Amino acid sequence: MCRSIKQLRRPAEPPTETEISAAALQYIRKVSGYRVPSRANQAAFEQAVAEVARATQMLLAALPATPQMLAQAHAHEHPLDHAHEHPLDHAHDHAHPHAPEQAQA
């Protein structure tokens, strides 16, 4: 496997078109042995990259999420944004609605 192709199936976010195109390009470079094709091979090279990118998009769209992916995605949705805050910093947010407000000093 070409090491510069990264995994595109991620739990938190779908891959971008740029990422899919880059992976397709790396794959075609590896398979063809050309880093940059000659002018005579340019059209075939570009067509292959486009077809691999389309096939990759179709594959990723068709694959169901695994339970592990869903759990990881859920973990990314609820980060501990306020982990550094003191628990009493937002105590007033949870005050009883009918309790009298304390005077500000």
PDB file of N, CA and C in Angstrom:
ATOM      1  N   MET A   1       0.855  -1.180   0.000  1.00  0.00           N
ATOM      2  CA  MET A   1       0.000   0.000   0.000  1.00  0.00           C
ATOM      3  C   MET A   1       0.893   1.233   0.000  1.00  0.00           C
ATOM      4  N   CYS A   2       0.515   2.197  -0.738  1.00  0.00           N
ATOM      5  CA  CYS A   2       1.264   3.455  -0.798  1.00  0.00           C
ATOM      6  C   CYS A   2       1.081   4.187   0.528  1.00  0.00           C
ATOM      7  N   ARG A   3       2.160   4.506   1.176  1.00  0.00           N
ATOM      8  CA  ARG A   3       2.078   5.115   2.500  1.00  0.00           C
ATOM      9  C   ARG A   3       1.529   6.528   2.486  1.00  0.00           C
ATOM     10  N   SER A   4       1.610   7.206   1.366  1.00  0.00           N
ATOM     11  CA  SER A   4       1.128   8.590   1.343  1.00  0.00           C
ATOM     12  C   SER A   4      -0.385   8.675   1.141  1.00  0.00           C
ATOM     13  N   ILE A   5      -1.031   7.562   0.897  1.00  0.00           N
ATOM     14  CA  ILE A   5      -2.495   7.564   0.814  1.00  0.00           C
ATOM     15  C   ILE A   5      -3.011   7.327   2.222  1.00  0.00           C
ATOM     16  N   LYS A   6      -3.774   8.300   2.734  1.00  0.00           N
ATOM     17  CA  LYS A   6      -4.284   8.152   4.090  1.00  0.00           C
ATOM     18  C   LYS A   6      -5.695   7.587   4.068  1.00  0.00           C
ATOM     19  N   GLN A   7      -6.102   7.042   5.200  1.00  0.00           N
ATOM     20  CA  GLN A   7      -7.444   6.485   5.312  1.00  0.00           C
ATOM     21  C   GLN A   7      -8.462   7.606   5.194  1.00  0.00           C
ATOM     22  N   LEU A   8      -9.434   7.422   4.335  1.00  0.00           N
ATOM     23  CA  LEU A   8     -10.440   8.455   4.117  1.00  0.00           C
ATOM     24  C   LEU A   8     -11.745   8.177   4.859  1.00  0.00           C
ATOM     25  N   ARG A   9     -11.940   6.966   5.273  1.00  0.00           N
ATOM     26  CA  ARG A   9     -13.160   6.608   5.998  1.00  0.00           C
ATOM     27  C   ARG A   9     -12.932   6.919   7.471  1.00  0.00           C
ATOM     28  N   ARG A  10     -13.513   8.038   7.886  1.00  0.00           N
ATOM     29  CA  ARG A  10     -13.320   8.528   9.249  1.00  0.00           C
ATOM     30  C   ARG A  10     -14.666   8.639   9.949  1.00  0.00           C
ATOM     31  N   PRO A  11     -14.668   8.479  11.261  1.00  0.00           N
ATOM     32  CA  PRO A  11     -15.930   8.539  11.985  1.00  0.00           C
ATOM     33  C   PRO A  11     -16.504   9.944  12.137  1.00  0.00           C
ATOM     34  N   ALA A  12     -15.654  10.935  12.280  1.00  0.00           N
ATOM     35  CA  ALA A  12     -16.143  12.272  12.632  1.00  0.00           C
ATOM     36  C   ALA A  12     -16.556  13.111  11.432  1.00  0.00           C
ATOM     37  N   GLU A  13     -15.951  12.884  10.284  1.00  0.00           N
ATOM     38  CA  GLU A  13     -16.239  13.751   9.140  1.00  0.00           C
ATOM     39  C   GLU A  13     -15.953  13.017   7.835  1.00  0.00           C
ATOM     40  N   PRO A  14     -16.748  13.283   6.823  1.00  0.00           N
ATOM     41  CA  PRO A  14     -16.470  12.669   5.529  1.00  0.00           C
ATOM     42  C   PRO A  14     -15.247  13.322   4.887  1.00  0.00           C
ATOM     43  N   PRO A  15     -14.592  12.607   3.988  1.00  0.00           N
ATOM     44  CA  PRO A  15     -13.425  13.196   3.325  1.00  0.00           C
ATOM     45  C   PRO A  15     -13.853  14.305   2.372  1.00  0.00           C
ATOM     46  N   THR A  16     -12.954  15.236   2.150  1.00  0.00           N
ATOM     47  CA  THR A  16     -13.226  16.313   1.201  1.00  0.00           C
ATOM     48  C   THR A  16     -12.936  15.820  -0.215  1.00  0.00           C
ATOM     49  N   GLU A  17     -13.426  16.538  -1.197  1.00  0.00           N
ATOM     50  CA  GLU A  17     -13.122  16.199  -2.591  1.00  0.00           C
ATOM     51  C   GLU A  17     -11.618  16.280  -2.840  1.00  0.00           C
ATOM     52  N   THR A  18     -10.970  17.237  -2.225  1.00  0.00           N
ATOM     53  CA  THR A  18      -9.519  17.390  -2.370  1.00  0.00           C
ATOM     54  C   THR A  18      -8.793  16.154  -1.850  1.00  0.00           C
ATOM     55  N   GLU A  19      -9.215  15.646  -0.703  1.00  0.00           N
ATOM     56  CA  GLU A  19      -8.587  14.446  -0.142  1.00  0.00           C
ATOM     57  C   GLU A  19      -8.801  13.229  -1.034  1.00  0.00           C
ATOM     58  N   ILE A  20     -10.007  13.097  -1.566  1.00  0.00           N
ATOM     59  CA  ILE A  20     -10.312  11.969  -2.447  1.00  0.00           C
ATOM     60  C   ILE A  20      -9.493  12.071  -3.723  1.00  0.00           C
ATOM     61  N   SER A  21      -9.405  13.254  -4.309  1.00  0.00           N
ATOM     62  CA  SER A  21      -8.617  13.446  -5.534  1.00  0.00           C
ATOM     63  C   SER A  21      -7.139  13.179  -5.293  1.00  0.00           C
ATOM     64  N   ALA A  22      -6.634  13.628  -4.156  1.00  0.00           N
ATOM     65  CA  ALA A  22      -5.222  13.407  -3.830  1.00  0.00           C
ATOM     66  C   ALA A  22      -4.928  11.917  -3.677  1.00  0.00           C
ATOM     67  N   ALA A  23      -5.828  11.188  -3.034  1.00  0.00           N
ATOM     68  CA  ALA A  23      -5.647   9.743  -2.878  1.00  0.00           C
ATOM     69  C   ALA A  23      -5.701   9.041  -4.236  1.00  0.00           C
ATOM     70  N   ALA A  24      -6.628   9.462  -5.092  1.00  0.00           N
ATOM     71  CA  ALA A  24      -6.734   8.873  -6.424  1.00  0.00           C
ATOM     72  C   ALA A  24      -5.467   9.133  -7.231  1.00  0.00           C
ATOM     73  N   LEU A  25      -4.962  10.345  -7.154  1.00  0.00           N
ATOM     74  CA  LEU A  25      -3.732  10.701  -7.861  1.00  0.00           C
ATOM     75  C   LEU A  25      -2.558   9.850  -7.372  1.00  0.00           C
ATOM     76  N   GLN A  26      -2.426   9.692  -6.068  1.00  0.00           N
ATOM     77  CA  GLN A  26      -1.349   8.877  -5.516  1.00  0.00           C
ATOM     78  C   GLN A  26      -1.467   7.430  -5.979  1.00  0.00           C
ATOM     79  N   TYR A  27      -2.668   6.918  -6.005  1.00  0.00           N
ATOM     80  CA  TYR A  27      -2.893   5.540  -6.452  1.00  0.00           C
ATOM     81  C   TYR A  27      -2.485   5.368  -7.915  1.00  0.00           C
ATOM     82  N   ILE A  28      -2.921   6.278  -8.768  1.00  0.00           N
ATOM     83  CA  ILE A  28      -2.596   6.193 -10.204  1.00  0.00           C
ATOM     84  C   ILE A  28      -1.098   6.368 -10.413  1.00  0.00           C
ATOM     85  N   ARG A  29      -0.472   7.241  -9.674  1.00  0.00           N
ATOM     86  CA  ARG A  29       0.987   7.384  -9.775  1.00  0.00           C
ATOM     87  C   ARG A  29       1.677   6.066  -9.417  1.00  0.00           C
ATOM     88  N   LYS A  30       1.227   5.435  -8.367  1.00  0.00           N
ATOM     89  CA  LYS A  30       1.831   4.187  -7.925  1.00  0.00           C
ATOM     90  C   LYS A  30       1.628   3.085  -8.960  1.00  0.00           C
ATOM     91  N   VAL A  31       0.406   2.950  -9.441  1.00  0.00           N
ATOM     92  CA  VAL A  31       0.082   1.889 -10.394  1.00  0.00           C
ATOM     93  C   VAL A  31       0.782   2.105 -11.735  1.00  0.00           C
ATOM     94  N   SER A  32       0.809   3.353 -12.205  1.00  0.00           N
ATOM     95  CA  SER A  32       1.361   3.630 -13.540  1.00  0.00           C
ATOM     96  C   SER A  32       2.895   3.741 -13.533  1.00  0.00           C
ATOM     97  N   GLY A  33       3.445   4.075 -12.379  1.00  0.00           N
ATOM     98  CA  GLY A  33       4.883   4.278 -12.319  1.00  0.00           C
ATOM     99  C   GLY A  33       5.312   5.668 -12.761  1.00  0.00           C
ATOM    100  N   TYR A  34       4.345   6.523 -13.065  1.00  0.00           N
ATOM    101  CA  TYR A  34       4.630   7.903 -13.473  1.00  0.00           C
ATOM    102  C   TYR A  34       4.298   8.865 -12.351  1.00  0.00           C
ATOM    103  N   ARG A  35       5.228   9.725 -12.026  1.00  0.00           N
ATOM    104  CA  ARG A  35       4.910  10.823 -11.117  1.00  0.00           C
ATOM    105  C   ARG A  35       4.175  11.891 -11.918  1.00  0.00           C
ATOM    106  N   VAL A  36       4.697  12.173 -13.103  1.00  0.00           N
ATOM    107  CA  VAL A  36       4.067  13.099 -14.035  1.00  0.00           C
ATOM    108  C   VAL A  36       4.053  12.386 -15.393  1.00  0.00           C
ATOM    109  N   PRO A  37       2.875  12.185 -15.969  1.00  0.00           N
ATOM    110  CA  PRO A  37       2.823  11.475 -17.251  1.00  0.00           C
ATOM    111  C   PRO A  37       3.320  12.351 -18.400  1.00  0.00           C
ATOM    112  N   SER A  38       3.713  11.695 -19.468  1.00  0.00           N
ATOM    113  CA  SER A  38       4.095  12.434 -20.678  1.00  0.00           C
ATOM    114  C   SER A  38       2.842  13.034 -21.297  1.00  0.00           C
ATOM    115  N   ARG A  39       3.031  13.953 -22.236  1.00  0.00           N
ATOM    116  CA  ARG A  39       1.864  14.541 -22.921  1.00  0.00           C
ATOM    117  C   ARG A  39       1.042  13.469 -23.618  1.00  0.00           C
ATOM    118  N   ALA A  40       1.718  12.457 -24.139  1.00  0.00           N
ATOM    119  CA  ALA A  40       1.002  11.376 -24.843  1.00  0.00           C
ATOM    120  C   ALA A  40       0.107  10.582 -23.886  1.00  0.00           C
ATOM    121  N   ASN A  41       0.490  10.505 -22.615  1.00  0.00           N
ATOM    122  CA  ASN A  41      -0.277   9.724 -21.635  1.00  0.00           C
ATOM    123  C   ASN A  41      -1.147  10.584 -20.717  1.00  0.00           C
ATOM    124  N   GLN A  42      -1.090  11.888 -20.888  1.00  0.00           N
ATOM    125  CA  GLN A  42      -1.777  12.807 -19.968  1.00  0.00           C
ATOM    126  C   GLN A  42      -3.288  12.550 -19.888  1.00  0.00           C
ATOM    127  N   ALA A  43      -3.946  12.395 -21.023  1.00  0.00           N
ATOM    128  CA  ALA A  43      -5.401  12.218 -21.016  1.00  0.00           C
ATOM    129  C   ALA A  43      -5.798  10.922 -20.313  1.00  0.00           C
ATOM    130  N   ALA A  44      -5.094   9.842 -20.596  1.00  0.00           N
ATOM    131  CA  ALA A  44      -5.399   8.566 -19.950  1.00  0.00           C
ATOM    132  C   ALA A  44      -5.153   8.645 -18.447  1.00  0.00           C
ATOM    133  N   PHE A  45      -4.079   9.312 -18.060  1.00  0.00           N
ATOM    134  CA  PHE A  45      -3.720   9.484 -16.657  1.00  0.00           C
ATOM    135  C   PHE A  45      -4.819  10.264 -15.931  1.00  0.00           C
ATOM    136  N   GLU A  46      -5.229  11.394 -16.478  1.00  0.00           N
ATOM    137  CA  GLU A  46      -6.256  12.226 -15.848  1.00  0.00           C
ATOM    138  C   GLU A  46      -7.599  11.509 -15.778  1.00  0.00           C
ATOM    139  N   GLN A  47      -7.926  10.762 -16.828  1.00  0.00           N
ATOM    140  CA  GLN A  47      -9.177  10.003 -16.816  1.00  0.00           C
ATOM    141  C   GLN A  47      -9.150   8.937 -15.724  1.00  0.00           C
ATOM    142  N   ALA A  48      -8.021   8.269 -15.575  1.00  0.00           N
ATOM    143  CA  ALA A  48      -7.895   7.247 -14.538  1.00  0.00           C
ATOM    144  C   ALA A  48      -8.036   7.861 -13.143  1.00  0.00           C
ATOM    145  N   VAL A  49      -7.417   9.005 -12.935  1.00  0.00           N
ATOM    146  CA  VAL A  49      -7.533   9.687 -11.638  1.00  0.00           C
ATOM    147  C   VAL A  49      -8.998  10.027 -11.362  1.00  0.00           C
ATOM    148  N   ALA A  50      -9.696  10.568 -12.336  1.00  0.00           N
ATOM    149  CA  ALA A  50     -11.106  10.938 -12.164  1.00  0.00           C
ATOM    150  C   ALA A  50     -11.967   9.706 -11.871  1.00  0.00           C
ATOM    151  N   GLU A  51     -11.715   8.612 -12.560  1.00  0.00           N
ATOM    152  CA  GLU A  51     -12.506   7.399 -12.344  1.00  0.00           C
ATOM    153  C   GLU A  51     -12.242   6.783 -10.974  1.00  0.00           C
ATOM    154  N   VAL A  52     -10.994   6.784 -10.547  1.00  0.00           N
ATOM    155  CA  VAL A  52     -10.676   6.265  -9.216  1.00  0.00           C
ATOM    156  C   VAL A  52     -11.311   7.158  -8.147  1.00  0.00           C
ATOM    157  N   ALA A  53     -11.299   8.449  -8.343  1.00  0.00           N
ATOM    158  CA  ALA A  53     -11.933   9.367  -7.387  1.00  0.00           C
ATOM    159  C   ALA A  53     -13.437   9.100  -7.320  1.00  0.00           C
ATOM    160  N   ARG A  54     -14.087   8.925  -8.473  1.00  0.00           N
ATOM    161  CA  ARG A  54     -15.528   8.621  -8.487  1.00  0.00           C
ATOM    162  C   ARG A  54     -15.807   7.291  -7.791  1.00  0.00           C
ATOM    163  N   ALA A  55     -14.997   6.287  -8.086  1.00  0.00           N
ATOM    164  CA  ALA A  55     -15.185   4.974  -7.450  1.00  0.00           C
ATOM    165  C   ALA A  55     -14.989   5.071  -5.941  1.00  0.00           C
ATOM    166  N   THR A  56     -14.049   5.888  -5.504  1.00  0.00           N
ATOM    167  CA  THR A  56     -13.800   6.078  -4.076  1.00  0.00           C
ATOM    168  C   THR A  56     -15.000   6.739  -3.410  1.00  0.00           C
ATOM    169  N   GLN A  57     -15.564   7.767  -4.049  1.00  0.00           N
ATOM    170  CA  GLN A  57     -16.741   8.440  -3.495  1.00  0.00           C
ATOM    171  C   GLN A  57     -17.916   7.466  -3.390  1.00  0.00           C
ATOM    172  N   MET A  58     -18.115   6.652  -4.405  1.00  0.00           N
ATOM    173  CA  MET A  58     -19.209   5.673  -4.395  1.00  0.00           C
ATOM    174  C   MET A  58     -18.988   4.634  -3.293  1.00  0.00           C
ATOM    175  N   LEU A  59     -17.759   4.167  -3.160  1.00  0.00           N
ATOM    176  CA  LEU A  59     -17.458   3.182  -2.127  1.00  0.00           C
ATOM    177  C   LEU A  59     -17.721   3.748  -0.741  1.00  0.00           C
ATOM    178  N   LEU A  60     -17.200   4.919  -0.468  1.00  0.00           N
ATOM    179  CA  LEU A  60     -17.377   5.515   0.850  1.00  0.00           C
ATOM    180  C   LEU A  60     -18.848   5.788   1.159  1.00  0.00           C
ATOM    181  N   ALA A  61     -19.604   6.174   0.155  1.00  0.00           N
ATOM    182  CA  ALA A  61     -21.038   6.434   0.350  1.00  0.00           C
ATOM    183  C   ALA A  61     -21.808   5.142   0.619  1.00  0.00           C
ATOM    184  N   ALA A  62     -21.347   4.036   0.061  1.00  0.00           N
ATOM    185  CA  ALA A  62     -22.057   2.766   0.194  1.00  0.00           C
ATOM    186  C   ALA A  62     -21.708   2.005   1.473  1.00  0.00           C
ATOM    187  N   LEU A  63     -20.568   2.286   2.073  1.00  0.00           N
ATOM    188  CA  LEU A  63     -20.155   1.551   3.263  1.00  0.00           C
ATOM    189  C   LEU A  63     -20.916   2.040   4.487  1.00  0.00           C
ATOM    190  N   PRO A  64     -21.540   1.125   5.216  1.00  0.00           N
ATOM    191  CA  PRO A  64     -22.219   1.550   6.439  1.00  0.00           C
ATOM    192  C   PRO A  64     -21.194   1.843   7.532  1.00  0.00           C
ATOM    193  N   ALA A  65     -21.581   2.696   8.431  1.00  0.00           N
ATOM    194  CA  ALA A  65     -20.715   3.015   9.570  1.00  0.00           C
ATOM    195  C   ALA A  65     -20.697   1.837  10.527  1.00  0.00           C
ATOM    196  N   THR A  66     -19.544   1.551  11.079  1.00  0.00           N
ATOM    197  CA  THR A  66     -19.425   0.480  12.061  1.00  0.00           C
ATOM    198  C   THR A  66     -19.793   1.036  13.434  1.00  0.00           C
ATOM    199  N   PRO A  67     -20.133   0.165  14.371  1.00  0.00           N
ATOM    200  CA  PRO A  67     -20.429   0.662  15.728  1.00  0.00           C
ATOM    201  C   PRO A  67     -19.259   1.447  16.323  1.00  0.00           C
ATOM    202  N   GLN A  68     -18.039   1.017  16.045  1.00  0.00           N
ATOM    203  CA  GLN A  68     -16.865   1.729  16.551  1.00  0.00           C
ATOM    204  C   GLN A  68     -16.791   3.140  15.950  1.00  0.00           C
ATOM    205  N   MET A  69     -17.069   3.264  14.658  1.00  0.00           N
ATOM    206  CA  MET A  69     -17.044   4.580  14.006  1.00  0.00           C
ATOM    207  C   MET A  69     -18.113   5.493  14.606  1.00  0.00           C
ATOM    208  N   LEU A  70     -19.303   4.934  14.840  1.00  0.00           N
ATOM    209  CA  LEU A  70     -20.383   5.741  15.414  1.00  0.00           C
ATOM    210  C   LEU A  70     -20.022   6.214  16.822  1.00  0.00           C
ATOM    211  N   ALA A  71     -19.394   5.344  17.603  1.00  0.00           N
ATOM    212  CA  ALA A  71     -18.987   5.729  18.954  1.00  0.00           C
ATOM    213  C   ALA A  71     -17.926   6.825  18.905  1.00  0.00           C
ATOM    214  N   GLN A  72     -16.971   6.687  17.983  1.00  0.00           N
ATOM    215  CA  GLN A  72     -15.931   7.711  17.854  1.00  0.00           C
ATOM    216  C   GLN A  72     -16.516   9.031  17.393  1.00  0.00           C
ATOM    217  N   ALA A  73     -17.450   8.981  16.465  1.00  0.00           N
ATOM    218  CA  ALA A  73     -18.084  10.210  15.976  1.00  0.00           C
ATOM    219  C   ALA A  73     -18.852  10.884  17.102  1.00  0.00           C
ATOM    220  N   HIS A  74     -19.540  10.089  17.907  1.00  0.00           N
ATOM    221  CA  HIS A  74     -20.294  10.654  19.033  1.00  0.00           C
ATOM    222  C   HIS A  74     -19.348  11.306  20.030  1.00  0.00           C
ATOM    223  N   ALA A  75     -18.199  10.702  20.256  1.00  0.00           N
ATOM    224  CA  ALA A  75     -17.216  11.280  21.177  1.00  0.00           C
ATOM    225  C   ALA A  75     -16.700  12.616  20.667  1.00  0.00           C
ATOM    226  N   HIS A  76     -16.592  12.761  19.346  1.00  0.00           N
ATOM    227  CA  HIS A  76     -16.110  14.018  18.764  1.00  0.00           C
ATOM    228  C   HIS A  76     -17.178  15.098  18.786  1.00  0.00           C
ATOM    229  N   GLU A  77     -18.448  14.716  18.868  1.00  0.00           N
ATOM    230  CA  GLU A  77     -19.534  15.696  18.871  1.00  0.00           C
ATOM    231  C   GLU A  77     -19.657  16.429  20.198  1.00  0.00           C
ATOM    232  N   HIS A  78     -19.211  15.811  21.286  1.00  0.00           N
ATOM    233  CA  HIS A  78     -19.390  16.388  22.612  1.00  0.00           C
ATOM    234  C   HIS A  78     -18.046  16.526  23.310  1.00  0.00           C
ATOM    235  N   PRO A  79     -17.164  17.358  22.789  1.00  0.00           N
ATOM    236  CA  PRO A  79     -15.871  17.526  23.460  1.00  0.00           C
ATOM    237  C   PRO A  79     -16.052  18.217  24.798  1.00  0.00           C
ATOM    238  N   LEU A  80     -15.128  18.010  25.657  1.00  0.00           N
ATOM    239  CA  LEU A  80     -15.170  18.649  26.968  1.00  0.00           C
ATOM    240  C   LEU A  80     -14.619  20.066  26.842  1.00  0.00           C
ATOM    241  N   ASP A  81     -15.411  20.921  26.248  1.00  0.00           N
ATOM    242  CA  ASP A  81     -14.993  22.297  25.986  1.00  0.00           C
ATOM    243  C   ASP A  81     -14.706  23.066  27.267  1.00  0.00           C
ATOM    244  N   HIS A  82     -15.419  22.738  28.310  1.00  0.00           N
ATOM    245  CA  HIS A  82     -15.309  23.525  29.533  1.00  0.00           C
ATOM    246  C   HIS A  82     -14.595  22.758  30.638  1.00  0.00           C
ATOM    247  N   ALA A  83     -13.750  21.819  30.301  1.00  0.00           N
ATOM    248  CA  ALA A  83     -13.068  20.994  31.289  1.00  0.00           C
ATOM    249  C   ALA A  83     -12.165  21.822  32.193  1.00  0.00           C
ATOM    250  N   HIS A  84     -11.667  22.944  31.698  1.00  0.00           N
ATOM    251  CA  HIS A  84     -10.762  23.776  32.484  1.00  0.00           C
ATOM    252  C   HIS A  84     -11.493  24.728  33.430  1.00  0.00           C
ATOM    253  N   GLU A  85     -12.806  24.824  33.312  1.00  0.00           N
ATOM    254  CA  GLU A  85     -13.566  25.756  34.135  1.00  0.00           C
ATOM    255  C   GLU A  85     -13.901  25.130  35.483  1.00  0.00           C
ATOM    256  N   HIS A  86     -14.079  25.976  36.468  1.00  0.00           N
ATOM    257  CA  HIS A  86     -14.489  25.525  37.789  1.00  0.00           C
ATOM    258  C   HIS A  86     -15.984  25.225  37.751  1.00  0.00           C
ATOM    259  N   PRO A  87     -16.443  24.179  38.478  1.00  0.00           N
ATOM    260  CA  PRO A  87     -17.865  23.823  38.435  1.00  0.00           C
ATOM    261  C   PRO A  87     -18.800  24.937  38.871  1.00  0.00           C
ATOM    262  N   LEU A  88     -18.343  25.831  39.740  1.00  0.00           N
ATOM    263  CA  LEU A  88     -19.216  26.912  40.205  1.00  0.00           C
ATOM    264  C   LEU A  88     -19.250  28.110  39.267  1.00  0.00           C
ATOM    265  N   ASP A  89     -18.415  28.090  38.216  1.00  0.00           N
ATOM    266  CA  ASP A  89     -18.407  29.206  37.265  1.00  0.00           C
ATOM    267  C   ASP A  89     -19.769  29.430  36.635  1.00  0.00           C
ATOM    268  N   HIS A  90     -20.550  28.372  36.487  1.00  0.00           N
ATOM    269  CA  HIS A  90     -21.854  28.477  35.833  1.00  0.00           C
ATOM    270  C   HIS A  90     -22.978  28.101  36.795  1.00  0.00           C
ATOM    271  N   ALA A  91     -22.740  28.240  38.095  1.00  0.00           N
ATOM    272  CA  ALA A  91     -23.749  27.884  39.084  1.00  0.00           C
ATOM    273  C   ALA A  91     -25.019  28.704  38.898  1.00  0.00           C
ATOM    274  N   HIS A  92     -24.859  29.972  38.508  1.00  0.00           N
ATOM    275  CA  HIS A  92     -26.033  30.826  38.306  1.00  0.00           C
ATOM    276  C   HIS A  92     -26.885  30.351  37.138  1.00  0.00           C
ATOM    277  N   ASP A  93     -26.299  29.576  36.211  1.00  0.00           N
ATOM    278  CA  ASP A  93     -27.060  29.066  35.073  1.00  0.00           C
ATOM    279  C   ASP A  93     -28.117  28.061  35.520  1.00  0.00           C
ATOM    280  N   HIS A  94     -27.888  27.447  36.689  1.00  0.00           N
ATOM    281  CA  HIS A  94     -28.782  26.386  37.145  1.00  0.00           C
ATOM    282  C   HIS A  94     -29.545  26.794  38.402  1.00  0.00           C
ATOM    283  N   ALA A  95     -29.647  28.077  38.658  1.00  0.00           N
ATOM    284  CA  ALA A  95     -30.354  28.569  39.831  1.00  0.00           C
ATOM    285  C   ALA A  95     -31.836  28.247  39.712  1.00  0.00           C
ATOM    286  N   HIS A  96     -32.465  28.109  40.844  1.00  0.00           N
ATOM    287  CA  HIS A  96     -33.905  27.822  40.867  1.00  0.00           C
ATOM    288  C   HIS A  96     -34.623  29.020  40.267  1.00  0.00           C
ATOM    289  N   PRO A  97     -35.604  28.769  39.380  1.00  0.00           N
ATOM    290  CA  PRO A  97     -36.259  29.901  38.683  1.00  0.00           C
ATOM    291  C   PRO A  97     -37.032  30.830  39.602  1.00  0.00           C
ATOM    292  N   HIS A  98     -37.474  30.341  40.775  1.00  0.00           N
ATOM    293  CA  HIS A  98     -38.262  31.195  41.653  1.00  0.00           C
ATOM    294  C   HIS A  98     -37.446  31.723  42.830  1.00  0.00           C
ATOM    295  N   ALA A  99     -36.182  31.432  42.868  1.00  0.00           N
ATOM    296  CA  ALA A  99     -35.328  31.904  43.958  1.00  0.00           C
ATOM    297  C   ALA A  99     -35.025  33.386  43.735  1.00  0.00           C
ATOM    298  N   PRO A 100     -34.982  34.164  44.818  1.00  0.00           N
ATOM    299  CA  PRO A 100     -34.663  35.585  44.644  1.00  0.00           C
ATOM    300  C   PRO A 100     -33.227  35.755  44.162  1.00  0.00           C
ATOM    301  N   GLU A 101     -33.035  36.716  43.291  1.00  0.00           N
ATOM    302  CA  GLU A 101     -31.700  36.970  42.772  1.00  0.00           C
ATOM    303  C   GLU A 101     -30.889  37.679  43.846  1.00  0.00           C
ATOM    304  N   GLN A 102     -29.618  37.326  43.903  1.00  0.00           N
ATOM    305  CA  GLN A 102     -28.743  37.961  44.876  1.00  0.00           C
ATOM    306  C   GLN A 102     -28.256  39.286  44.299  1.00  0.00           C
ATOM    307  N   ALA A 103     -28.090  40.239  45.181  1.00  0.00           N
ATOM    308  CA  ALA A 103     -27.624  41.557  44.748  1.00  0.00           C
ATOM    309  C   ALA A 103     -26.179  41.468  44.307  1.00  0.00           C
ATOM    310  N   GLN A 104     -25.865  42.184  43.244  1.00  0.00           N
ATOM    311  CA  GLN A 104     -24.492  42.238  42.746  1.00  0.00           C
ATOM    312  C   GLN A 104     -23.696  43.208  43.613  1.00  0.00           C
ATOM    313  N   ALA A 105     -22.502  42.836  44.010  1.00  0.00           N
ATOM    314  CA  ALA A 105     -21.688  43.711  44.859  1.00  0.00           C
ATOM    315  C   ALA A 105     -20.935  44.696  44.037  1.00  0.00           C
TER     316      ALA A 105
END
